[in-house]
PDB file of N, CA and C in Angstrom:
ATOM      1  N   UNK A   1     -16.053   0.293 -35.940  1.00  0.00           N
ATOM      2  CA  UNK A   1     -16.341   0.139 -34.843  1.00  0.00           C
ATOM      3  C   UNK A   1     -15.130   1.918 -34.631  1.00  0.00           C
ATOM      4  N   UNK A   2     -15.808   2.688 -33.743  1.00  0.00           N
ATOM      5  CA  UNK A   2     -15.037   4.178 -33.345  1.00  0.00           C
ATOM      6  C   UNK A   2     -13.637   4.021 -32.598  1.00  0.00           C
ATOM      7  N   UNK A   3     -12.814   2.568 -31.665  1.00  0.00           N
ATOM      8  CA  UNK A   3     -12.436   2.375 -30.851  1.00  0.00           C
ATOM      9  C   UNK A   3     -10.853   1.725 -32.023  1.00  0.00           C
ATOM     10  N   UNK A   4     -11.269   1.823 -33.213  1.00  0.00           N
ATOM     11  CA  UNK A   4     -10.682   0.562 -33.943  1.00  0.00           C
ATOM     12  C   UNK A   4     -10.458   1.697 -35.128  1.00  0.00           C
ATOM     13  N   UNK A   5      -8.994   2.434 -35.930  1.00  0.00           N
ATOM     14  CA  UNK A   5      -8.974   2.969 -36.485  1.00  0.00           C
ATOM     15  C   UNK A   5      -7.406   2.740 -37.390  1.00  0.00           C
ATOM     16  N   UNK A   6      -7.716   2.453 -38.853  1.00  0.00           N
ATOM     17  CA  UNK A   6      -6.157   2.268 -39.542  1.00  0.00           C
ATOM     18  C   UNK A   6      -5.628   3.144 -39.090  1.00  0.00           C
ATOM     19  N   UNK A   7      -4.093   2.339 -38.751  1.00  0.00           N
ATOM     20  CA  UNK A   7      -2.593   3.026 -38.612  1.00  0.00           C
ATOM     21  C   UNK A   7      -2.861   3.270 -36.456  1.00  0.00           C
ATOM     22  N   UNK A   8      -3.510   2.620 -36.122  1.00  0.00           N
ATOM     23  CA  UNK A   8      -3.373   2.651 -34.713  1.00  0.00           C
ATOM     24  C   UNK A   8      -3.327   1.397 -34.254  1.00  0.00           C
ATOM     25  N   UNK A   9      -2.185   1.248 -33.742  1.00  0.00           N
ATOM     26  CA  UNK A   9      -1.057  -0.090 -32.963  1.00  0.00           C
ATOM     27  C   UNK A   9      -2.142  -0.199 -32.393  1.00  0.00           C
ATOM     28  N   UNK A  10      -3.230  -1.673 -31.888  1.00  0.00           N
ATOM     29  CA  UNK A  10      -3.840  -2.287 -30.842  1.00  0.00           C
ATOM     30  C   UNK A  10      -3.317  -3.258 -30.491  1.00  0.00           C
ATOM     31  N   UNK A  11      -3.698  -3.759 -29.216  1.00  0.00           N
ATOM     32  CA  UNK A  11      -2.642  -3.603 -28.037  1.00  0.00           C
ATOM     33  C   UNK A  11      -1.709  -3.935 -28.140  1.00  0.00           C
ATOM     34  N   UNK A  12      -1.038  -2.639 -27.971  1.00  0.00           N
ATOM     35  CA  UNK A  12       0.691  -2.943 -27.689  1.00  0.00           C
ATOM     36  C   UNK A  12       1.342  -1.492 -27.740  1.00  0.00           C
ATOM     37  N   UNK A  13       0.219  -0.389 -27.293  1.00  0.00           N
ATOM     38  CA  UNK A  13       0.643   0.404 -26.996  1.00  0.00           C
ATOM     39  C   UNK A  13       0.688   0.378 -25.182  1.00  0.00           C
ATOM     40  N   UNK A  14       1.349   0.931 -24.399  1.00  0.00           N
ATOM     41  CA  UNK A  14       1.213   0.990 -22.953  1.00  0.00           C
ATOM     42  C   UNK A  14       1.242   2.657 -22.403  1.00  0.00           C
ATOM     43  N   UNK A  15       0.941   2.230 -21.123  1.00  0.00           N
ATOM     44  CA  UNK A  15       0.523   2.991 -20.098  1.00  0.00           C
ATOM     45  C   UNK A  15       2.291   4.565 -19.804  1.00  0.00           C
ATOM     46  N   UNK A  16       2.775   3.424 -20.042  1.00  0.00           N
ATOM     47  CA  UNK A  16       4.081   4.215 -19.182  1.00  0.00           C
ATOM     48  C   UNK A  16       5.325   3.254 -20.439  1.00  0.00           C
ATOM     49  N   UNK A  17       5.506   4.479 -21.279  1.00  0.00           N
ATOM     50  CA  UNK A  17       6.525   4.139 -22.235  1.00  0.00           C
ATOM     51  C   UNK A  17       8.117   4.740 -21.960  1.00  0.00           C
ATOM     52  N   UNK A  18       8.798   3.262 -22.291  1.00  0.00           N
ATOM     53  CA  UNK A  18      10.508   3.402 -22.359  1.00  0.00           C
ATOM     54  C   UNK A  18      10.366   4.420 -22.758  1.00  0.00           C
ATOM     55  N   UNK A  19      11.226   6.178 -22.539  1.00  0.00           N
ATOM     56  CA  UNK A  19      11.441   7.213 -22.860  1.00  0.00           C
ATOM     57  C   UNK A  19      13.049   7.556 -22.918  1.00  0.00           C
ATOM     58  N   UNK A  20      13.573   7.629 -24.083  1.00  0.00           N
ATOM     59  CA  UNK A  20      15.577   7.426 -24.052  1.00  0.00           C
ATOM     60  C   UNK A  20      15.741   8.311 -24.961  1.00  0.00           C
ATOM     61  N   UNK A  21      16.457   9.423 -24.321  1.00  0.00           N
ATOM     62  CA  UNK A  21      17.075  10.895 -25.130  1.00  0.00           C
ATOM     63  C   UNK A  21      18.090   9.964 -27.209  1.00  0.00           C
ATOM     64  N   UNK A  22      17.910   9.985 -28.188  1.00  0.00           N
ATOM     65  CA  UNK A  22      17.875   9.987 -29.070  1.00  0.00           C
ATOM     66  C   UNK A  22      19.514  10.610 -29.044  1.00  0.00           C
ATOM     67  N   UNK A  23      20.522   9.990 -30.388  1.00  0.00           N
ATOM     68  CA  UNK A  23      21.849  10.756 -30.263  1.00  0.00           C
ATOM     69  C   UNK A  23      22.774  10.194 -29.018  1.00  0.00           C
ATOM     70  N   UNK A  24      22.309   9.266 -27.952  1.00  0.00           N
ATOM     71  CA  UNK A  24      23.360   9.361 -26.795  1.00  0.00           C
ATOM     72  C   UNK A  24      22.583   7.705 -26.781  1.00  0.00           C
ATOM     73  N   UNK A  25      24.254   7.140 -26.758  1.00  0.00           N
ATOM     74  CA  UNK A  25      24.467   5.759 -25.942  1.00  0.00           C
ATOM     75  C   UNK A  25      23.519   5.559 -24.251  1.00  0.00           C
ATOM     76  N   UNK A  26      23.002   4.809 -24.925  1.00  0.00           N
ATOM     77  CA  UNK A  26      21.485   4.233 -23.634  1.00  0.00           C
ATOM     78  C   UNK A  26      22.778   2.688 -23.696  1.00  0.00           C
ATOM     79  N   UNK A  27      22.128   2.119 -22.092  1.00  0.00           N
ATOM     80  CA  UNK A  27      22.352   0.671 -22.213  1.00  0.00           C
ATOM     81  C   UNK A  27      20.750   0.218 -21.563  1.00  0.00           C
ATOM     82  N   UNK A  28      20.674  -0.806 -21.464  1.00  0.00           N
ATOM     83  CA  UNK A  28      19.319  -1.828 -21.318  1.00  0.00           C
ATOM     84  C   UNK A  28      19.054  -2.524 -20.476  1.00  0.00           C
ATOM     85  N   UNK A  29      19.035  -3.105 -19.431  1.00  0.00           N
ATOM     86  CA  UNK A  29      19.200  -4.070 -18.182  1.00  0.00           C
ATOM     87  C   UNK A  29      17.813  -4.199 -17.954  1.00  0.00           C
ATOM     88  N   UNK A  30      17.903  -5.456 -18.468  1.00  0.00           N
ATOM     89  CA  UNK A  30      16.581  -6.836 -18.545  1.00  0.00           C
ATOM     90  C   UNK A  30      16.910  -7.721 -17.389  1.00  0.00           C
ATOM     91  N   UNK A  31      15.061  -7.948 -16.715  1.00  0.00           N
ATOM     92  CA  UNK A  31      15.620  -9.208 -15.671  1.00  0.00           C
ATOM     93  C   UNK A  31      14.303  -9.151 -15.972  1.00  0.00           C
ATOM     94  N   UNK A  32      13.810 -10.548 -14.972  1.00  0.00           N
ATOM     95  CA  UNK A  32      12.645 -11.056 -14.676  1.00  0.00           C
ATOM     96  C   UNK A  32      12.533 -10.649 -13.389  1.00  0.00           C
ATOM     97  N   UNK A  33      10.747 -10.981 -12.539  1.00  0.00           N
ATOM     98  CA  UNK A  33      11.080 -11.541 -11.679  1.00  0.00           C
ATOM     99  C   UNK A  33       9.815 -12.366 -11.056  1.00  0.00           C
ATOM    100  N   UNK A  34       9.776 -13.255 -12.685  1.00  0.00           N
ATOM    101  CA  UNK A  34       8.956 -14.780 -11.825  1.00  0.00           C
ATOM    102  C   UNK A  34       9.639 -15.749 -13.138  1.00  0.00           C
ATOM    103  N   UNK A  35       9.027 -16.081 -15.150  1.00  0.00           N
ATOM    104  CA  UNK A  35       9.547 -16.509 -15.171  1.00  0.00           C
ATOM    105  C   UNK A  35       9.990 -15.944 -16.602  1.00  0.00           C
ATOM    106  N   UNK A  36      10.878 -16.679 -17.099  1.00  0.00           N
ATOM    107  CA  UNK A  36      11.515 -16.130 -18.648  1.00  0.00           C
ATOM    108  C   UNK A  36      10.995 -15.519 -19.192  1.00  0.00           C
ATOM    109  N   UNK A  37      11.603 -14.398 -20.334  1.00  0.00           N
ATOM    110  CA  UNK A  37       9.944 -13.585 -20.860  1.00  0.00           C
ATOM    111  C   UNK A  37      11.532 -13.048 -22.002  1.00  0.00           C
ATOM    112  N   UNK A  38      10.917 -12.449 -22.888  1.00  0.00           N
ATOM    113  CA  UNK A  38      11.875 -11.990 -24.558  1.00  0.00           C
ATOM    114  C   UNK A  38      11.161 -10.734 -24.332  1.00  0.00           C
ATOM    115  N   UNK A  39      12.670 -10.227 -24.123  1.00  0.00           N
ATOM    116  CA  UNK A  39      12.060  -8.549 -24.924  1.00  0.00           C
ATOM    117  C   UNK A  39      12.190  -7.845 -25.962  1.00  0.00           C
ATOM    118  N   UNK A  40      11.483  -8.097 -26.499  1.00  0.00           N
ATOM    119  CA  UNK A  40      11.073  -7.998 -28.312  1.00  0.00           C
ATOM    120  C   UNK A  40      11.088  -6.783 -29.016  1.00  0.00           C
ATOM    121  N   UNK A  41      11.866  -5.660 -29.784  1.00  0.00           N
ATOM    122  CA  UNK A  41      11.384  -4.909 -30.564  1.00  0.00           C
ATOM    123  C   UNK A  41      12.301  -5.207 -32.266  1.00  0.00           C
ATOM    124  N   UNK A  42      10.874  -5.203 -32.500  1.00  0.00           N
ATOM    125  CA  UNK A  42      11.872  -6.457 -34.472  1.00  0.00           C
ATOM    126  C   UNK A  42      11.908  -4.693 -35.189  1.00  0.00           C
ATOM    127  N   UNK A  43      11.208  -3.996 -34.989  1.00  0.00           N
ATOM    128  CA  UNK A  43      11.662  -2.536 -35.578  1.00  0.00           C
ATOM    129  C   UNK A  43      13.295  -2.071 -35.047  1.00  0.00           C
ATOM    130  N   UNK A  44      14.005  -2.071 -34.108  1.00  0.00           N
ATOM    131  CA  UNK A  44      15.262  -1.796 -34.001  1.00  0.00           C
ATOM    132  C   UNK A  44      16.245  -3.186 -33.718  1.00  0.00           C
ATOM    133  N   UNK A  45      16.081  -4.196 -34.035  1.00  0.00           N
ATOM    134  CA  UNK A  45      16.740  -5.500 -33.879  1.00  0.00           C
ATOM    135  C   UNK A  45      16.796  -5.989 -32.353  1.00  0.00           C
ATOM    136  N   UNK A  46      16.498  -5.897 -31.391  1.00  0.00           N
ATOM    137  CA  UNK A  46      16.754  -6.411 -30.355  1.00  0.00           C
ATOM    138  C   UNK A  46      15.353  -7.290 -29.963  1.00  0.00           C
ATOM    139  N   UNK A  47      16.220  -7.844 -29.078  1.00  0.00           N
ATOM    140  CA  UNK A  47      15.570  -9.023 -28.754  1.00  0.00           C
ATOM    141  C   UNK A  47      16.768  -9.539 -28.053  1.00  0.00           C
ATOM    142  N   UNK A  48      15.887  -9.317 -26.351  1.00  0.00           N
ATOM    143  CA  UNK A  48      16.718  -9.531 -25.334  1.00  0.00           C
ATOM    144  C   UNK A  48      16.427 -10.848 -24.251  1.00  0.00           C
ATOM    145  N   UNK A  49      16.624 -12.052 -24.191  1.00  0.00           N
ATOM    146  CA  UNK A  49      16.145 -12.452 -23.062  1.00  0.00           C
ATOM    147  C   UNK A  49      16.199 -11.553 -21.677  1.00  0.00           C
ATOM    148  N   UNK A  50      15.045 -12.374 -20.658  1.00  0.00           N
ATOM    149  CA  UNK A  50      14.868 -11.565 -19.271  1.00  0.00           C
ATOM    150  C   UNK A  50      14.019 -12.707 -18.338  1.00  0.00           C
ATOM    151  N   UNK A  51      15.376 -13.347 -17.481  1.00  0.00           N
ATOM    152  CA  UNK A  51      15.602 -14.411 -16.703  1.00  0.00           C
ATOM    153  C   UNK A  51      15.612 -14.411 -15.609  1.00  0.00           C
ATOM    154  N   UNK A  52      14.975 -14.333 -15.150  1.00  0.00           N
ATOM    155  CA  UNK A  52      15.033 -14.502 -13.225  1.00  0.00           C
ATOM    156  C   UNK A  52      16.304 -14.211 -12.569  1.00  0.00           C
ATOM    157  N   UNK A  53      16.554 -13.356 -12.343  1.00  0.00           N
ATOM    158  CA  UNK A  53      18.453 -14.024 -11.065  1.00  0.00           C
ATOM    159  C   UNK A  53      19.149 -13.046 -12.202  1.00  0.00           C
ATOM    160  N   UNK A  54      18.570 -12.884 -13.172  1.00  0.00           N
ATOM    161  CA  UNK A  54      19.829 -12.756 -14.234  1.00  0.00           C
ATOM    162  C   UNK A  54      20.047 -11.369 -14.739  1.00  0.00           C
ATOM    163  N   UNK A  55      20.895 -10.434 -14.856  1.00  0.00           N
ATOM    164  CA  UNK A  55      20.447  -8.717 -15.675  1.00  0.00           C
ATOM    165  C   UNK A  55      21.101  -9.203 -16.658  1.00  0.00           C
ATOM    166  N   UNK A  56      20.395  -8.799 -17.969  1.00  0.00           N
ATOM    167  CA  UNK A  56      21.539  -9.048 -19.350  1.00  0.00           C
ATOM    168  C   UNK A  56      21.033  -7.244 -19.987  1.00  0.00           C
ATOM    169  N   UNK A  57      22.349  -7.693 -20.839  1.00  0.00           N
ATOM    170  CA  UNK A  57      22.691  -6.021 -20.620  1.00  0.00           C
ATOM    171  C   UNK A  57      22.929  -5.795 -22.053  1.00  0.00           C
ATOM    172  N   UNK A  58      22.281  -4.299 -23.171  1.00  0.00           N
ATOM    173  CA  UNK A  58      22.013  -4.447 -24.090  1.00  0.00           C
ATOM    174  C   UNK A  58      21.984  -2.500 -24.021  1.00  0.00           C
ATOM    175  N   UNK A  59      23.368  -2.168 -25.224  1.00  0.00           N
ATOM    176  CA  UNK A  59      23.868  -1.130 -24.724  1.00  0.00           C
ATOM    177  C   UNK A  59      22.731  -0.970 -26.678  1.00  0.00           C
ATOM    178  N   UNK A  60      21.873   0.693 -26.431  1.00  0.00           N
ATOM    179  CA  UNK A  60      21.349   0.684 -27.694  1.00  0.00           C
ATOM    180  C   UNK A  60      21.828   2.145 -27.688  1.00  0.00           C
ATOM    181  N   UNK A  61      21.903   2.813 -29.364  1.00  0.00           N
ATOM    182  CA  UNK A  61      22.092   4.268 -30.020  1.00  0.00           C
ATOM    183  C   UNK A  61      20.983   4.022 -30.832  1.00  0.00           C
ATOM    184  N   UNK A  62      20.520   5.248 -31.104  1.00  0.00           N
ATOM    185  CA  UNK A  62      19.310   5.221 -31.984  1.00  0.00           C
ATOM    186  C   UNK A  62      20.493   7.040 -32.208  1.00  0.00           C
ATOM    187  N   UNK A  63      19.854   7.076 -33.316  1.00  0.00           N
ATOM    188  CA  UNK A  63      20.439   8.622 -34.223  1.00  0.00           C
ATOM    189  C   UNK A  63      18.522   9.853 -34.394  1.00  0.00           C
ATOM    190  N   UNK A  64      18.267   9.396 -34.874  1.00  0.00           N
ATOM    191  CA  UNK A  64      16.676  10.010 -34.453  1.00  0.00           C
ATOM    192  C   UNK A  64      15.578   9.373 -34.444  1.00  0.00           C
ATOM    193  N   UNK A  65      14.739  10.912 -33.899  1.00  0.00           N
ATOM    194  CA  UNK A  65      13.740  10.552 -32.360  1.00  0.00           C
ATOM    195  C   UNK A  65      12.975   9.493 -33.269  1.00  0.00           C
ATOM    196  N   UNK A  66      11.933   8.653 -32.451  1.00  0.00           N
ATOM    197  CA  UNK A  66      10.549   7.901 -33.115  1.00  0.00           C
ATOM    198  C   UNK A  66      10.025   6.853 -31.712  1.00  0.00           C
ATOM    199  N   UNK A  67       9.369   5.812 -32.132  1.00  0.00           N
ATOM    200  CA  UNK A  67       8.289   5.429 -31.029  1.00  0.00           C
ATOM    201  C   UNK A  67       8.780   3.652 -31.764  1.00  0.00           C
ATOM    202  N   UNK A  68       8.808   2.584 -31.328  1.00  0.00           N
ATOM    203  CA  UNK A  68       9.101   1.964 -31.545  1.00  0.00           C
ATOM    204  C   UNK A  68       8.295   0.403 -30.511  1.00  0.00           C
ATOM    205  N   UNK A  69       7.496  -1.037 -30.903  1.00  0.00           N
ATOM    206  CA  UNK A  69       6.519  -1.488 -30.653  1.00  0.00           C
ATOM    207  C   UNK A  69       7.289  -3.395 -30.612  1.00  0.00           C
ATOM    208  N   UNK A  70       6.738  -3.254 -29.420  1.00  0.00           N
ATOM    209  CA  UNK A  70       7.542  -4.941 -29.389  1.00  0.00           C
ATOM    210  C   UNK A  70       6.147  -5.656 -28.344  1.00  0.00           C
ATOM    211  N   UNK A  71       6.888  -6.970 -27.837  1.00  0.00           N
ATOM    212  CA  UNK A  71       5.845  -8.194 -27.118  1.00  0.00           C
ATOM    213  C   UNK A  71       7.585  -8.680 -26.291  1.00  0.00           C
ATOM    214  N   UNK A  72       6.706  -9.449 -25.972  1.00  0.00           N
ATOM    215  CA  UNK A  72       7.151 -10.636 -25.151  1.00  0.00           C
ATOM    216  C   UNK A  72       6.971 -11.155 -26.161  1.00  0.00           C
ATOM    217  N   UNK A  73       8.721 -11.957 -26.466  1.00  0.00           N
ATOM    218  CA  UNK A  73       8.291 -13.337 -28.013  1.00  0.00           C
ATOM    219  C   UNK A  73       8.341 -14.374 -26.720  1.00  0.00           C
ATOM    220  N   UNK A  74       8.607 -14.695 -25.876  1.00  0.00           N
ATOM    221  CA  UNK A  74       8.704 -15.779 -25.390  1.00  0.00           C
ATOM    222  C   UNK A  74       7.325 -16.544 -25.040  1.00  0.00           C
ATOM    223  N   UNK A  75       6.702 -17.955 -25.063  1.00  0.00           N
ATOM    224  CA  UNK A  75       6.180 -18.338 -24.247  1.00  0.00           C
ATOM    225  C   UNK A  75       5.366 -18.433 -22.431  1.00  0.00           C
ATOM    226  N   UNK A  76       5.332 -17.030 -21.840  1.00  0.00           N
ATOM    227  CA  UNK A  76       5.962 -17.258 -21.162  1.00  0.00           C
ATOM    228  C   UNK A  76       4.703 -17.721 -19.752  1.00  0.00           C
ATOM    229  N   UNK A  77       3.331 -17.743 -20.551  1.00  0.00           N
ATOM    230  CA  UNK A  77       2.371 -18.099 -19.844  1.00  0.00           C
ATOM    231  C   UNK A  77       1.002 -17.819 -20.623  1.00  0.00           C
ATOM    232  N   UNK A  78      -0.213 -17.594 -19.998  1.00  0.00           N
ATOM    233  CA  UNK A  78      -1.467 -17.775 -20.468  1.00  0.00           C
ATOM    234  C   UNK A  78      -1.516 -16.129 -21.060  1.00  0.00           C
ATOM    235  N   UNK A  79      -0.960 -15.021 -20.642  1.00  0.00           N
ATOM    236  CA  UNK A  79      -1.634 -13.957 -20.952  1.00  0.00           C
ATOM    237  C   UNK A  79       0.134 -13.472 -21.681  1.00  0.00           C
ATOM    238  N   UNK A  80       1.087 -13.997 -22.106  1.00  0.00           N
ATOM    239  CA  UNK A  80       1.884 -13.752 -22.209  1.00  0.00           C
ATOM    240  C   UNK A  80       1.808 -12.692 -24.160  1.00  0.00           C
ATOM    241  N   UNK A  81       0.875 -12.602 -24.477  1.00  0.00           N
ATOM    242  CA  UNK A  81       0.385 -11.821 -25.693  1.00  0.00           C
ATOM    243  C   UNK A  81      -0.220 -10.321 -25.543  1.00  0.00           C
ATOM    244  N   UNK A  82      -0.523 -10.710 -24.291  1.00  0.00           N
ATOM    245  CA  UNK A  82      -0.523  -9.417 -23.028  1.00  0.00           C
ATOM    246  C   UNK A  82       0.851  -8.393 -22.809  1.00  0.00           C
ATOM    247  N   UNK A  83       1.990  -8.469 -23.339  1.00  0.00           N
ATOM    248  CA  UNK A  83       2.963  -7.923 -22.570  1.00  0.00           C
ATOM    249  C   UNK A  83       3.428  -7.378 -23.235  1.00  0.00           C
ATOM    250  N   UNK A  84       3.344  -6.022 -23.884  1.00  0.00           N
ATOM    251  CA  UNK A  84       3.403  -4.723 -24.724  1.00  0.00           C
ATOM    252  C   UNK A  84       4.786  -4.093 -24.099  1.00  0.00           C
ATOM    253  N   UNK A  85       5.647  -3.693 -25.127  1.00  0.00           N
ATOM    254  CA  UNK A  85       6.639  -2.705 -25.141  1.00  0.00           C
ATOM    255  C   UNK A  85       6.761  -1.953 -26.026  1.00  0.00           C
ATOM    256  N   UNK A  86       7.111  -0.195 -25.579  1.00  0.00           N
ATOM    257  CA  UNK A  86       7.082   0.706 -26.452  1.00  0.00           C
ATOM    258  C   UNK A  86       8.520   1.686 -25.698  1.00  0.00           C
ATOM    259  N   UNK A  87       8.777   1.499 -27.162  1.00  0.00           N
ATOM    260  CA  UNK A  87      10.448   2.257 -26.574  1.00  0.00           C
ATOM    261  C   UNK A  87      10.350   3.745 -27.517  1.00  0.00           C
ATOM    262  N   UNK A  88      10.786   4.896 -26.773  1.00  0.00           N
ATOM    263  CA  UNK A  88      10.510   6.145 -27.529  1.00  0.00           C
ATOM    264  C   UNK A  88      11.235   6.634 -27.159  1.00  0.00           C
ATOM    265  N   UNK A  89      12.045   6.814 -28.608  1.00  0.00           N
ATOM    266  CA  UNK A  89      13.024   7.912 -28.881  1.00  0.00           C
ATOM    267  C   UNK A  89      12.954   9.596 -28.620  1.00  0.00           C
ATOM    268  N   UNK A  90      13.265  10.465 -27.880  1.00  0.00           N
ATOM    269  CA  UNK A  90      13.461  11.897 -27.809  1.00  0.00           C
ATOM    270  C   UNK A  90      14.515  12.827 -27.518  1.00  0.00           C
ATOM    271  N   UNK A  91      14.188  14.118 -28.233  1.00  0.00           N
ATOM    272  CA  UNK A  91      15.545  14.885 -27.341  1.00  0.00           C
ATOM    273  C   UNK A  91      15.900  14.936 -26.437  1.00  0.00           C
ATOM    274  N   UNK A  92      17.378  15.560 -26.053  1.00  0.00           N
ATOM    275  CA  UNK A  92      18.498  15.180 -24.675  1.00  0.00           C
ATOM    276  C   UNK A  92      17.373  16.532 -24.327  1.00  0.00           C
ATOM    277  N   UNK A  93      16.960  17.409 -25.313  1.00  0.00           N
ATOM    278  CA  UNK A  93      16.695  18.833 -24.587  1.00  0.00           C
ATOM    279  C   UNK A  93      15.548  18.775 -23.996  1.00  0.00           C
ATOM    280  N   UNK A  94      14.267  17.813 -24.260  1.00  0.00           N
ATOM    281  CA  UNK A  94      12.645  16.956 -24.031  1.00  0.00           C
ATOM    282  C   UNK A  94      13.430  15.506 -22.522  1.00  0.00           C
ATOM    283  N   UNK A  95      13.951  15.094 -23.409  1.00  0.00           N
ATOM    284  CA  UNK A  95      14.311  14.271 -22.297  1.00  0.00           C
ATOM    285  C   UNK A  95      14.995  15.004 -21.016  1.00  0.00           C
ATOM    286  N   UNK A  96      16.152  15.618 -21.201  1.00  0.00           N
ATOM    287  CA  UNK A  96      15.897  16.710 -19.531  1.00  0.00           C
ATOM    288  C   UNK A  96      14.800  17.399 -18.511  1.00  0.00           C
ATOM    289  N   UNK A  97      13.942  18.073 -19.578  1.00  0.00           N
ATOM    290  CA  UNK A  97      12.495  18.711 -18.836  1.00  0.00           C
ATOM    291  C   UNK A  97      12.307  17.608 -18.427  1.00  0.00           C
ATOM    292  N   UNK A  98      10.996  16.266 -18.262  1.00  0.00           N
ATOM    293  CA  UNK A  98      11.090  15.042 -18.412  1.00  0.00           C
ATOM    294  C   UNK A  98      11.331  14.928 -16.940  1.00  0.00           C
ATOM    295  N   UNK A  99      12.793  14.530 -16.563  1.00  0.00           N
ATOM    296  CA  UNK A  99      12.848  13.785 -15.746  1.00  0.00           C
ATOM    297  C   UNK A  99      13.682  15.226 -15.102  1.00  0.00           C
ATOM    298  N   UNK A 100      13.824  16.279 -14.837  1.00  0.00           N
ATOM    299  CA  UNK A 100      13.985  17.705 -13.757  1.00  0.00           C
ATOM    300  C   UNK A 100      12.430  18.256 -12.508  1.00  0.00           C
TER     301      UNK A 100
END
């Protein structure tokens, strides 16, 4: 099939990645509007519960650029498996250009 190719991440790519600079301490603040979710990126060892009405914080630091995929790991409803997460680390210079 033309749409399915070896090495392509299926059902985990997103329209809008979370983009952070590498070599910088960042804070992820997670919450939910509806039910309990679990923000999980196994490649980074991150799993944070997203609970309505509560802010959960995780400090993250990455020394190198890269792209990491994850998804909701809480059984939160019928479309649970369609909640992908993509976190990309880029250079501080590139990050500053994106945000100016």
